[in-house]
Amino acid sequence: MDLFLTIPNVFCLLFLIGGGLLVHCQVLREEALKKLYGNEYLEYCKKVRRYF
């Protein structure tokens, strides 16, 4: 995000959007971990933040 704010152009914007989508896809994959690990994973989720 810092690069886009200092040098605002289309190239930096694409990297910003692409990076955000990749992080979001990874978070969505974590839903499968709930099924795999159950309550142990839910306890872990209470201790850590989801995105940042």
PDB file of N, CA and C in Angstrom:
ATOM      1  N   MET A   1       0.824  -1.182   0.000  1.00  0.00           N
ATOM      2  CA  MET A   1       0.000   0.000   0.000  1.00  0.00           C
ATOM      3  C   MET A   1       0.873   1.253   0.000  1.00  0.00           C
ATOM      4  N   ASP A   2       1.991   1.207   0.698  1.00  0.00           N
ATOM      5  CA  ASP A   2       2.861   2.379   0.766  1.00  0.00           C
ATOM      6  C   ASP A   2       3.403   2.769  -0.601  1.00  0.00           C
ATOM      7  N   LEU A   3       3.743   1.755  -1.399  1.00  0.00           N
ATOM      8  CA  LEU A   3       4.283   2.048  -2.728  1.00  0.00           C
ATOM      9  C   LEU A   3       3.241   2.757  -3.589  1.00  0.00           C
ATOM     10  N   PHE A   4       1.998   2.317  -3.492  1.00  0.00           N
ATOM     11  CA  PHE A   4       0.953   2.948  -4.287  1.00  0.00           C
ATOM     12  C   PHE A   4       0.729   4.392  -3.856  1.00  0.00           C
ATOM     13  N   LEU A   5       0.874   4.666  -2.561  1.00  0.00           N
ATOM     14  CA  LEU A   5       0.668   6.032  -2.087  1.00  0.00           C
ATOM     15  C   LEU A   5       1.813   6.954  -2.491  1.00  0.00           C
ATOM     16  N   THR A   6       3.034   6.414  -2.595  1.00  0.00           N
ATOM     17  CA  THR A   6       4.167   7.257  -2.979  1.00  0.00           C
ATOM     18  C   THR A   6       4.309   7.371  -4.493  1.00  0.00           C
ATOM     19  N   ILE A   7       4.015   6.294  -5.199  1.00  0.00           N
ATOM     20  CA  ILE A   7       4.128   6.311  -6.668  1.00  0.00           C
ATOM     21  C   ILE A   7       2.798   5.793  -7.237  1.00  0.00           C
ATOM     22  N   PRO A   8       1.763   6.630  -7.274  1.00  0.00           N
ATOM     23  CA  PRO A   8       0.459   6.143  -7.731  1.00  0.00           C
ATOM     24  C   PRO A   8       0.426   5.939  -9.253  1.00  0.00           C
ATOM     25  N   ASN A   9       0.407   4.691  -9.663  1.00  0.00           N
ATOM     26  CA  ASN A   9       0.232   4.374 -11.078  1.00  0.00           C
ATOM     27  C   ASN A   9      -0.511   3.049 -11.201  1.00  0.00           C
ATOM     28  N   VAL A  10      -0.843   2.678 -12.399  1.00  0.00           N
ATOM     29  CA  VAL A  10      -1.651   1.479 -12.647  1.00  0.00           C
ATOM     30  C   VAL A  10      -0.902   0.219 -12.222  1.00  0.00           C
ATOM     31  N   PHE A  11       0.393   0.163 -12.461  1.00  0.00           N
ATOM     32  CA  PHE A  11       1.204  -1.008 -12.108  1.00  0.00           C
ATOM     33  C   PHE A  11       1.122  -1.290 -10.605  1.00  0.00           C
ATOM     34  N   CYS A  12       1.313  -0.256  -9.804  1.00  0.00           N
ATOM     35  CA  CYS A  12       1.244  -0.414  -8.343  1.00  0.00           C
ATOM     36  C   CYS A  12      -0.172  -0.761  -7.899  1.00  0.00           C
ATOM     37  N   LEU A  13      -1.157  -0.194  -8.539  1.00  0.00           N
ATOM     38  CA  LEU A  13      -2.543  -0.486  -8.195  1.00  0.00           C
ATOM     39  C   LEU A  13      -2.869  -1.949  -8.465  1.00  0.00           C
ATOM     40  N   LEU A  14      -2.384  -2.488  -9.580  1.00  0.00           N
ATOM     41  CA  LEU A  14      -2.619  -3.897  -9.889  1.00  0.00           C
ATOM     42  C   LEU A  14      -1.981  -4.813  -8.851  1.00  0.00           C
ATOM     43  N   PHE A  15      -0.761  -4.476  -8.417  1.00  0.00           N
ATOM     44  CA  PHE A  15      -0.116  -5.276  -7.383  1.00  0.00           C
ATOM     45  C   PHE A  15      -0.872  -5.182  -6.060  1.00  0.00           C
ATOM     46  N   LEU A  16      -1.375  -4.018  -5.734  1.00  0.00           N
ATOM     47  CA  LEU A  16      -2.138  -3.836  -4.513  1.00  0.00           C
ATOM     48  C   LEU A  16      -3.416  -4.679  -4.538  1.00  0.00           C
ATOM     49  N   ILE A  17      -4.137  -4.634  -5.633  1.00  0.00           N
ATOM     50  CA  ILE A  17      -5.376  -5.404  -5.767  1.00  0.00           C
ATOM     51  C   ILE A  17      -5.075  -6.895  -5.792  1.00  0.00           C
ATOM     52  N   GLY A  18      -4.066  -7.293  -6.557  1.00  0.00           N
ATOM     53  CA  GLY A  18      -3.698  -8.708  -6.642  1.00  0.00           C
ATOM     54  C   GLY A  18      -3.269  -9.266  -5.302  1.00  0.00           C
ATOM     55  N   GLY A  19      -2.480  -8.522  -4.563  1.00  0.00           N
ATOM     56  CA  GLY A  19      -2.051  -8.972  -3.243  1.00  0.00           C
ATOM     57  C   GLY A  19      -3.221  -9.113  -2.287  1.00  0.00           C
ATOM     58  N   GLY A  20      -4.125  -8.168  -2.351  1.00  0.00           N
ATOM     59  CA  GLY A  20      -5.320  -8.239  -1.506  1.00  0.00           C
ATOM     60  C   GLY A  20      -6.180  -9.452  -1.826  1.00  0.00           C
ATOM     61  N   LEU A  21      -6.310  -9.760  -3.103  1.00  0.00           N
ATOM     62  CA  LEU A  21      -7.093 -10.942  -3.503  1.00  0.00           C
ATOM     63  C   LEU A  21      -6.427 -12.234  -3.054  1.00  0.00           C
ATOM     64  N   LEU A  22      -5.108 -12.299  -3.155  1.00  0.00           N
ATOM     65  CA  LEU A  22      -4.402 -13.495  -2.715  1.00  0.00           C
ATOM     66  C   LEU A  22      -4.548 -13.722  -1.216  1.00  0.00           C
ATOM     67  N   VAL A  23      -4.458 -12.656  -0.444  1.00  0.00           N
ATOM     68  CA  VAL A  23      -4.636 -12.776   1.003  1.00  0.00           C
ATOM     69  C   VAL A  23      -6.061 -13.221   1.319  1.00  0.00           C
ATOM     70  N   HIS A  24      -7.030 -12.649   0.626  1.00  0.00           N
ATOM     71  CA  HIS A  24      -8.431 -13.006   0.862  1.00  0.00           C
ATOM     72  C   HIS A  24      -8.686 -14.478   0.514  1.00  0.00           C
ATOM     73  N   CYS A  25      -8.110 -14.961  -0.571  1.00  0.00           N
ATOM     74  CA  CYS A  25      -8.274 -16.371  -0.951  1.00  0.00           C
ATOM     75  C   CYS A  25      -7.683 -17.290   0.106  1.00  0.00           C
ATOM     76  N   GLN A  26      -6.555 -16.906   0.672  1.00  0.00           N
ATOM     77  CA  GLN A  26      -5.942 -17.706   1.726  1.00  0.00           C
ATOM     78  C   GLN A  26      -6.836 -17.757   2.963  1.00  0.00           C
ATOM     79  N   VAL A  27      -7.447 -16.644   3.307  1.00  0.00           N
ATOM     80  CA  VAL A  27      -8.353 -16.608   4.457  1.00  0.00           C
ATOM     81  C   VAL A  27      -9.560 -17.506   4.199  1.00  0.00           C
ATOM     82  N   LEU A  28     -10.074 -17.506   2.984  1.00  0.00           N
ATOM     83  CA  LEU A  28     -11.222 -18.356   2.670  1.00  0.00           C
ATOM     84  C   LEU A  28     -10.860 -19.838   2.751  1.00  0.00           C
ATOM     85  N   ARG A  29      -9.620 -20.187   2.436  1.00  0.00           N
ATOM     86  CA  ARG A  29      -9.176 -21.578   2.550  1.00  0.00           C
ATOM     87  C   ARG A  29      -9.174 -22.055   3.999  1.00  0.00           C
ATOM     88  N   GLU A  30      -9.041 -21.127   4.914  1.00  0.00           N
ATOM     89  CA  GLU A  30      -9.004 -21.497   6.321  1.00  0.00           C
ATOM     90  C   GLU A  30     -10.326 -22.103   6.788  1.00  0.00           C
ATOM     91  N   GLU A  31     -11.388 -21.897   6.045  1.00  0.00           N
ATOM     92  CA  GLU A  31     -12.680 -22.483   6.408  1.00  0.00           C
ATOM     93  C   GLU A  31     -12.583 -24.009   6.419  1.00  0.00           C
ATOM     94  N   ALA A  32     -11.783 -24.575   5.539  1.00  0.00           N
ATOM     95  CA  ALA A  32     -11.622 -26.031   5.500  1.00  0.00           C
ATOM     96  C   ALA A  32     -10.919 -26.537   6.754  1.00  0.00           C
ATOM     97  N   LEU A  33     -10.088 -25.707   7.361  1.00  0.00           N
ATOM     98  CA  LEU A  33      -9.390 -26.112   8.578  1.00  0.00           C
ATOM     99  C   LEU A  33     -10.348 -26.294   9.746  1.00  0.00           C
ATOM    100  N   LYS A  34     -11.438 -25.549   9.727  1.00  0.00           N
ATOM    101  CA  LYS A  34     -12.445 -25.718  10.780  1.00  0.00           C
ATOM    102  C   LYS A  34     -13.023 -27.127  10.747  1.00  0.00           C
ATOM    103  N   LYS A  35     -13.275 -27.623   9.553  1.00  0.00           N
ATOM    104  CA  LYS A  35     -13.821 -28.970   9.413  1.00  0.00           C
ATOM    105  C   LYS A  35     -12.788 -30.026   9.775  1.00  0.00           C
ATOM    106  N   LEU A  36     -11.550 -29.758   9.435  1.00  0.00           N
ATOM    107  CA  LEU A  36     -10.488 -30.735   9.653  1.00  0.00           C
ATOM    108  C   LEU A  36     -10.085 -30.841  11.120  1.00  0.00           C
ATOM    109  N   TYR A  37      -9.939 -29.710  11.803  1.00  0.00           N
ATOM    110  CA  TYR A  37      -9.431 -29.704  13.175  1.00  0.00           C
ATOM    111  C   TYR A  37     -10.474 -29.420  14.244  1.00  0.00           C
ATOM    112  N   GLY A  38     -11.639 -28.950  13.860  1.00  0.00           N
ATOM    113  CA  GLY A  38     -12.740 -28.760  14.803  1.00  0.00           C
ATOM    114  C   GLY A  38     -12.479 -27.715  15.871  1.00  0.00           C
ATOM    115  N   ASN A  39     -12.769 -28.097  17.133  1.00  0.00           N
ATOM    116  CA  ASN A  39     -12.687 -27.148  18.251  1.00  0.00           C
ATOM    117  C   ASN A  39     -11.279 -26.634  18.493  1.00  0.00           C
ATOM    118  N   GLU A  40     -10.278 -27.459  18.230  1.00  0.00           N
ATOM    119  CA  GLU A  40      -8.889 -27.032  18.421  1.00  0.00           C
ATOM    120  C   GLU A  40      -8.571 -25.828  17.530  1.00  0.00           C
ATOM    121  N   TYR A  41      -9.037 -25.871  16.302  1.00  0.00           N
ATOM    122  CA  TYR A  41      -8.806 -24.752  15.388  1.00  0.00           C
ATOM    123  C   TYR A  41      -9.623 -23.522  15.788  1.00  0.00           C
ATOM    124  N   LEU A  42     -10.827 -23.727  16.284  1.00  0.00           N
ATOM    125  CA  LEU A  42     -11.661 -22.608  16.725  1.00  0.00           C
ATOM    126  C   LEU A  42     -11.020 -21.888  17.912  1.00  0.00           C
ATOM    127  N   GLU A  43     -10.402 -22.620  18.813  1.00  0.00           N
ATOM    128  CA  GLU A  43      -9.685 -22.002  19.931  1.00  0.00           C
ATOM    129  C   GLU A  43      -8.503 -21.194  19.422  1.00  0.00           C
ATOM    130  N   TYR A  44      -7.807 -21.725  18.431  1.00  0.00           N
ATOM    131  CA  TYR A  44      -6.688 -21.001  17.827  1.00  0.00           C
ATOM    132  C   TYR A  44      -7.173 -19.695  17.183  1.00  0.00           C
ATOM    133  N   CYS A  45      -8.315 -19.746  16.511  1.00  0.00           N
ATOM    134  CA  CYS A  45      -8.867 -18.562  15.849  1.00  0.00           C
ATOM    135  C   CYS A  45      -9.207 -17.464  16.847  1.00  0.00           C
ATOM    136  N   LYS A  46      -9.586 -17.839  18.045  1.00  0.00           N
ATOM    137  CA  LYS A  46      -9.902 -16.837  19.054  1.00  0.00           C
ATOM    138  C   LYS A  46      -8.652 -16.078  19.495  1.00  0.00           C
ATOM    139  N   LYS A  47      -7.483 -16.702  19.359  1.00  0.00           N
ATOM    140  CA  LYS A  47      -6.230 -16.106  19.823  1.00  0.00           C
ATOM    141  C   LYS A  47      -5.562 -15.220  18.769  1.00  0.00           C
ATOM    142  N   VAL A  48      -5.846 -15.458  17.498  1.00  0.00           N
ATOM    143  CA  VAL A  48      -5.169 -14.712  16.434  1.00  0.00           C
ATOM    144  C   VAL A  48      -6.189 -13.952  15.589  1.00  0.00           C
ATOM    145  N   ARG A  49      -5.729 -12.896  14.954  1.00  0.00           N
ATOM    146  CA  ARG A  49      -6.592 -12.116  14.066  1.00  0.00           C
ATOM    147  C   ARG A  49      -6.662 -12.776  12.702  1.00  0.00           C
ATOM    148  N   ARG A  50      -7.701 -12.471  11.987  1.00  0.00           N
ATOM    149  CA  ARG A  50      -7.909 -13.146  10.717  1.00  0.00           C
ATOM    150  C   ARG A  50      -7.111 -12.501   9.581  1.00  0.00           C
ATOM    151  N   TYR A  51      -7.140 -11.206   9.451  1.00  0.00           N
ATOM    152  CA  TYR A  51      -6.445 -10.555   8.342  1.00  0.00           C
ATOM    153  C   TYR A  51      -5.150  -9.905   8.788  1.00  0.00           C
ATOM    154  N   PHE A  52      -5.174  -9.143   9.847  1.00  0.00           N
ATOM    155  CA  PHE A  52      -3.982  -8.423  10.280  1.00  0.00           C
ATOM    156  C   PHE A  52      -3.758  -8.613  11.754  1.00  0.00           C
TER     157      PHE A  52
END
